């Protein structure tokens, strides 16, 4: 699996949401505008490569949560952070 495929499979939901487009448009760009699609993938690839392996793993599992569970996890992390500060 090349980088384009890896990024595509990991982030298609997030990419569609970030780009504010339909999934159909996303698939059409991949098929009919490969240069534009590759440019978008390179942006997301750079974003992922700047994270540590642990951060990538955490982000993967975080994105699989429902919106409500994401909000709960975020609130719990903020609370833990506030408690640890003097």
Protein backbone atom coordinates (compact mmCIF):
# COMPACT_ATOMS: atom_id res chain seq x y z
CA UNK A 1 0.00 0.00 0.00
CA UNK A 2 1.54 3.34 -1.04
CA UNK A 3 1.41 6.54 1.03
CA UNK A 4 -1.56 7.85 -0.93
CA UNK A 5 -3.59 4.72 -0.15
CA UNK A 6 -2.52 4.72 3.51
CA UNK A 7 -3.50 8.35 4.04
CA UNK A 8 -6.71 7.84 2.10
CA UNK A 9 -7.84 4.87 4.18
CA UNK A 10 -6.89 6.43 7.50
CA UNK A 11 -8.49 9.80 7.03
CA UNK A 12 -11.20 9.85 4.39
CA UNK A 13 -13.95 10.75 6.87
CA UNK A 14 -11.86 13.51 8.43
CA UNK A 15 -10.69 14.78 5.06
CA UNK A 16 -14.26 15.03 3.74
CA UNK A 17 -15.33 16.82 6.90
CA UNK A 18 -12.35 19.22 6.84
CA UNK A 19 -12.82 19.99 3.16
CA UNK A 20 -16.57 20.47 3.58
CA UNK A 21 -17.42 18.26 0.63
CA UNK A 22 -19.52 15.20 -0.01
CA UNK A 23 -18.07 11.73 -0.08
CA UNK A 24 -19.12 11.48 -3.74
CA UNK A 25 -17.09 14.56 -4.62
CA UNK A 26 -14.16 13.13 -2.69
CA UNK A 27 -14.28 9.90 -4.68
CA UNK A 28 -14.63 11.82 -7.96
CA UNK A 29 -11.56 13.92 -7.15
CA UNK A 30 -9.62 10.77 -6.42
CA UNK A 31 -10.63 9.29 -9.75
CA UNK A 32 -10.73 12.31 -12.08
CA UNK A 33 -8.38 14.82 -10.45
CA UNK A 34 -5.49 12.74 -9.13
CA UNK A 35 -3.09 15.70 -8.91
CA UNK A 36 -5.47 17.64 -6.67
CA UNK A 37 -6.11 14.52 -4.65
CA UNK A 38 -2.36 13.87 -4.27
CA UNK A 39 -1.85 17.44 -3.11
CA UNK A 40 -4.50 17.01 -0.43
CA UNK A 41 -3.01 13.67 0.62
CA UNK A 42 0.46 15.19 0.89
CA UNK A 43 -0.93 17.81 3.27
CA UNK A 44 -2.48 15.14 5.48
CA UNK A 45 0.63 12.97 5.25
CA UNK A 46 2.75 15.85 6.51
CA UNK A 47 0.32 16.39 9.36
CA UNK A 48 0.53 12.72 10.39
CA UNK A 49 4.30 12.50 10.06
CA UNK A 50 4.78 15.40 12.47
CA UNK A 51 3.16 13.29 15.23
CA UNK A 52 4.97 10.73 17.32
CA UNK A 53 3.89 7.09 16.95
CA UNK A 54 2.06 7.30 20.28
CA UNK A 55 0.22 10.45 19.19
CA UNK A 56 -0.72 8.81 15.89
CA UNK A 57 -2.12 5.79 17.73
CA UNK A 58 -4.05 7.97 20.17
CA UNK A 59 -5.45 10.06 17.31
CA UNK A 60 -6.52 6.93 15.43
CA UNK A 61 -8.50 5.64 18.41
CA UNK A 62 -9.86 9.10 19.25
CA UNK A 63 -11.25 9.50 15.72
CA UNK A 64 -13.04 6.16 16.02
CA UNK A 65 -15.05 7.41 19.02
CA UNK A 66 -18.48 8.96 18.67
CA UNK A 67 -18.69 12.75 18.96
CA UNK A 68 -20.07 12.47 22.50
CA UNK A 69 -17.25 10.15 23.58
CA UNK A 70 -14.69 12.50 21.97
CA UNK A 71 -16.08 15.37 24.05
CA UNK A 72 -15.91 13.26 27.23
CA UNK A 73 -12.31 12.21 26.55
CA UNK A 74 -11.31 15.80 25.81
CA UNK A 75 -12.91 17.04 29.03
CA UNK A 76 -11.21 14.30 31.06
CA UNK A 77 -7.80 15.18 29.59
CA UNK A 78 -8.32 18.88 30.34
CA UNK A 79 -9.32 18.05 33.91
CA UNK A 80 -6.27 15.81 34.43
CA UNK A 81 -4.04 18.54 33.04
CA UNK A 82 -5.53 21.17 35.35
CA UNK A 83 -5.14 18.89 38.40
CA UNK A 84 -1.47 18.26 37.63
CA UNK A 85 -0.58 21.97 37.55
CA UNK A 86 0.48 23.55 40.85
